[in-house]
Protein backbone atom coordinates (compact mmCIF):
# COMPACT_ATOMS: atom_id res chain seq x y z
CA PRO A 1 190.46 69.02 75.55
CA SER A 2 191.87 66.41 77.94
CA SER A 3 189.50 63.69 79.08
CA THR A 4 189.31 65.36 82.50
CA ALA A 5 188.50 68.76 80.99
CA GLY A 6 186.00 67.18 78.60
CA LYS A 7 184.13 65.39 81.39
CA THR A 8 184.15 68.54 83.53
CA LEU A 9 182.81 70.64 80.65
CA GLU A 10 180.04 68.09 80.08
CA PHE A 11 179.14 68.27 83.78
CA PHE A 12 179.11 72.10 83.76
CA ASN A 13 176.94 72.21 80.65
CA ARG A 14 174.22 70.26 82.46
CA TYR A 15 173.65 73.25 84.72
CA TYR A 16 173.61 75.95 82.05
CA PRO A 17 172.62 78.81 82.43
CA LEU A 18 173.51 78.71 86.15
CA PRO A 19 176.87 80.42 86.85
CA VAL A 20 179.78 78.02 87.42
CA VAL A 21 183.41 78.62 88.41
CA SER A 22 186.10 76.00 87.78
CA ILE A 23 188.79 75.55 90.43
CA GLY A 24 192.16 74.12 89.47
CA LEU A 25 191.27 73.27 85.86
CA ALA A 26 190.91 75.63 82.88
CA ILE A 27 187.53 75.06 81.21
CA GLU A 28 186.81 77.00 78.02
CA GLY A 29 183.79 79.26 78.35
CA TYR A 30 183.80 79.27 82.15
CA PRO A 31 185.75 81.45 84.61
CA SER A 32 188.60 79.37 86.02
CA LEU A 33 190.73 79.83 89.13
CA LEU A 34 194.08 78.13 88.59
CA PHE A 35 196.94 77.29 90.94
CA ASP A 36 200.12 79.08 89.84
CA HIS A 37 202.34 75.99 89.96
CA SER A 38 205.07 77.74 87.95
CA GLN A 39 205.45 80.37 90.66
CA GLY A 40 205.21 77.72 93.39
CA MET A 41 207.96 75.50 91.95
CA ARG A 42 210.11 78.54 91.13
CA ASN A 43 209.90 79.81 94.73
CA LEU A 44 210.76 76.37 96.11
CA LEU A 45 213.78 75.93 93.84
CA SER A 46 214.94 79.51 94.42
CA HIS A 47 214.95 78.81 98.16
CA LEU A 48 217.02 75.66 97.65
CA LEU A 49 219.39 77.17 95.09
CA ASP A 50 219.78 80.76 96.22
CA PHE A 51 219.21 80.65 99.98
CA HIS A 52 220.87 77.31 100.72
CA GLY A 53 223.23 77.15 97.75
CA TYR A 54 222.42 73.55 96.78
CA ARG A 55 223.40 72.54 93.25
CA GLN A 56 222.84 68.77 93.06
CA ILE A 57 219.08 68.33 92.94
CA ALA A 58 217.07 65.18 92.14
CA PHE A 59 213.34 64.73 91.44
CA VAL A 60 211.13 61.84 92.56
CA GLY A 61 207.46 61.64 91.54
CA ASP A 62 204.77 59.28 90.36
CA ALA A 63 203.05 59.00 86.96
CA GLY A 64 200.03 61.18 87.79
CA ARG A 65 199.01 64.29 85.87
CA ALA A 66 199.94 66.65 88.72
CA ALA A 67 203.34 64.99 89.15
CA ARG A 68 204.08 65.28 85.42
CA GLN A 69 203.19 68.97 85.45
CA ARG A 70 205.40 69.64 88.48
CA TYR A 71 208.26 67.68 86.93
CA ARG A 72 208.05 69.72 83.71
CA LEU A 73 208.35 72.93 85.73
CA PHE A 74 211.25 71.48 87.76
CA GLU A 75 213.04 70.54 84.54
CA GLU A 76 212.39 73.92 82.89
CA ILE A 77 213.71 75.91 85.85
CA LEU A 78 216.84 73.80 86.34
CA ILE A 79 217.60 73.96 82.60
CA GLU A 80 217.42 77.77 82.89
CA ARG A 81 219.98 77.54 85.70
CA GLY A 82 222.21 75.09 83.82
CA LEU A 83 221.73 72.50 86.57
CA PHE A 84 219.37 69.91 85.10
CA ASP A 85 220.63 66.32 85.02
CA LEU A 86 218.26 63.63 83.72
CA ARG A 87 220.17 60.94 85.63
CA LYS A 88 218.79 62.51 88.83
CA VAL A 89 215.15 61.94 87.88
CA GLY A 90 213.39 58.73 88.94
CA GLU A 91 212.68 56.48 91.91
CA LEU A 92 215.31 56.10 94.63
CA ASP A 93 216.13 52.61 93.36
CA GLU A 94 216.75 54.05 89.91
CA LEU A 95 219.13 56.65 91.34
CA ASP A 96 220.95 53.82 93.12
CA ALA A 97 221.15 51.84 89.88
CA ARG A 98 222.91 54.81 88.29
CA ASP A 99 225.51 54.72 91.09
CA LEU A 100 224.44 58.14 92.38
CA VAL A 101 225.63 58.72 95.94
CA PRO A 102 223.19 60.45 98.35
CA GLY A 103 224.65 63.64 99.80
CA SER A 104 227.25 63.85 97.05
CA ASP A 105 225.69 63.27 93.63
CA TYR A 106 222.41 64.67 94.93
CA GLN A 107 222.07 66.93 97.95
CA VAL A 108 218.32 67.47 97.56
CA ILE A 109 215.32 65.37 96.53
CA VAL A 110 212.38 67.45 95.33
CA THR A 111 209.20 65.36 95.23
CA SER A 112 205.89 65.87 93.44
CA GLU A 113 203.79 65.64 96.63
CA ASP A 114 204.05 65.30 100.40
CA GLN A 115 203.21 61.59 100.61
CA ILE A 116 206.02 60.72 98.22
CA ALA A 117 208.38 62.91 100.27
CA LEU A 118 207.44 60.98 103.42
CA GLN A 119 208.11 57.65 101.66
CA VAL A 120 211.49 58.95 100.48
CA ILE A 121 212.42 60.07 104.01
CA GLU A 122 211.40 56.69 105.44
CA THR A 123 213.53 54.87 102.85
CA LEU A 124 216.52 57.14 103.48
CA TYR A 125 216.25 56.64 107.24
CA ALA A 126 216.13 52.87 106.72
CA ARG A 127 219.43 53.18 104.84
CA GLY A 128 221.00 55.22 107.65
CA ILE A 129 220.85 58.49 105.70
CA GLN A 130 219.82 61.52 107.76
CA VAL A 131 217.32 64.17 106.57
CA PRO A 132 218.25 67.00 106.33
CA GLY A 133 221.76 66.27 107.66
CA GLN A 134 222.88 64.35 104.56
CA VAL A 135 220.02 64.78 102.06
CA VAL A 136 217.32 67.45 101.96
CA VAL A 137 213.77 66.36 100.99
CA THR A 138 210.88 68.65 100.00
CA GLY A 139 207.18 67.99 99.43
CA TYR A 140 204.29 69.64 97.62
CA ASN A 141 200.67 70.37 98.74
CA ASP A 142 201.20 70.99 102.50
CA GLY A 143 198.75 68.46 103.84
CA GLN A 144 198.52 67.62 107.55
CA ALA A 145 201.14 64.89 107.14
CA ALA A 146 203.72 67.51 106.07
CA ARG A 147 203.39 69.31 109.40
CA ALA A 148 203.47 66.09 111.45
CA ALA A 149 206.44 64.57 109.59
CA ILE A 150 209.83 64.02 111.21
CA PRO A 151 211.41 66.29 110.21
CA PRO A 152 208.51 68.63 109.30
CA LEU A 153 208.40 69.07 105.52
CA THR A 154 209.40 72.12 103.57
CA THR A 155 206.70 72.18 100.92
CA VAL A 156 204.49 74.24 98.60
CA ARG A 157 201.04 75.06 99.97
CA LEU A 158 197.95 74.94 97.76
CA PRO A 159 195.63 77.72 99.04
CA PHE A 160 192.29 75.84 98.93
CA ARG A 161 190.59 78.16 101.43
CA ARG A 162 191.59 81.24 99.47
CA MET A 163 190.42 79.54 96.26
CA GLY A 164 187.03 78.85 97.83
CA ARG A 165 186.57 82.46 98.91
CA GLN A 166 187.62 83.74 95.50
CA ALA A 167 185.24 81.31 93.75
CA VAL A 168 182.32 82.60 95.84
CA GLU A 169 183.29 86.22 95.09
CA THR A 170 183.46 85.40 91.38
CA LEU A 171 179.99 83.80 91.46
CA LEU A 172 178.56 86.85 93.25
CA ASN A 173 180.10 89.15 90.63
CA ILE A 174 178.53 87.06 87.85
CA LEU A 175 175.13 87.21 89.57
CA ASP A 176 175.51 90.99 89.87
CA GLY A 177 176.12 91.21 86.12
CA ARG A 178 179.77 92.21 86.42
CA ASP A 179 182.45 91.06 83.99
CA VAL A 180 184.89 88.50 85.40
CA PRO A 181 188.21 87.34 83.92
CA GLU A 182 188.25 84.01 82.10
CA GLU A 183 191.31 82.81 84.05
CA VAL A 184 192.89 83.92 87.32
CA SER A 185 196.16 82.46 88.61
CA VAL A 186 196.32 82.16 92.41
CA PRO A 187 199.82 82.19 93.94
CA LEU A 188 201.04 79.29 96.07
CA GLY A 189 202.85 79.61 99.38
CA LEU A 190 206.35 78.36 100.14
CA ILE A 191 206.27 76.75 103.58
CA VAL A 192 209.76 76.46 105.04
CA ARG A 193 210.36 73.80 107.68
CA ARG A 194 213.24 71.63 108.89
CA SER A 195 213.43 69.11 106.02
CA CYS A 196 215.37 71.62 103.90
CA GLY A 197 217.78 72.48 106.71
CA CYS A 198 215.94 75.56 107.96
CA LEU A 199 214.59 75.97 111.46
CA ASP A 200 210.80 75.97 111.70
CA PRO A 201 209.41 79.51 111.60
CA LEU A 202 208.33 80.93 114.97
């Protein structure tokens, strides 16, 4: 197991035989509620590709585990569509170094999380590039900053409240002696706002 999973398993084992539910991380031997990032990224890219018709899409993320996972899904989906271009993956400065022109060589920047999206928008504005007029930017997570951003961020929402309710229901089922699935994937929500060129929903 990964170091994170190993440490989490060690922590869970301290409380055996009390029932435990893992949220967001698959732990062998314990029921786990997992975010369906594949569905979340697929819905986001489908909106960009099929609803808006964008074809030139870049990815900007950091080196964290979540960002790497989201990048792998981004790559997989764009390869399926025949649209993946490795030159369009990296920091904004790296895209510049490859002589990629915003609005032409890439119409969209998909980011691995909202905070990175906000940094990208700030950098683009500083260069005189309008979002979404010239380049579309999307986030991931749907934190408070996504709603307060200018423009408000189109993003993927992680349903923490729903996860919490489902975790409690799972624990109650265990206490009642009912069988529970080892893993459950919880769908993510696509939140459409102005940063992709859509009007905010009413």
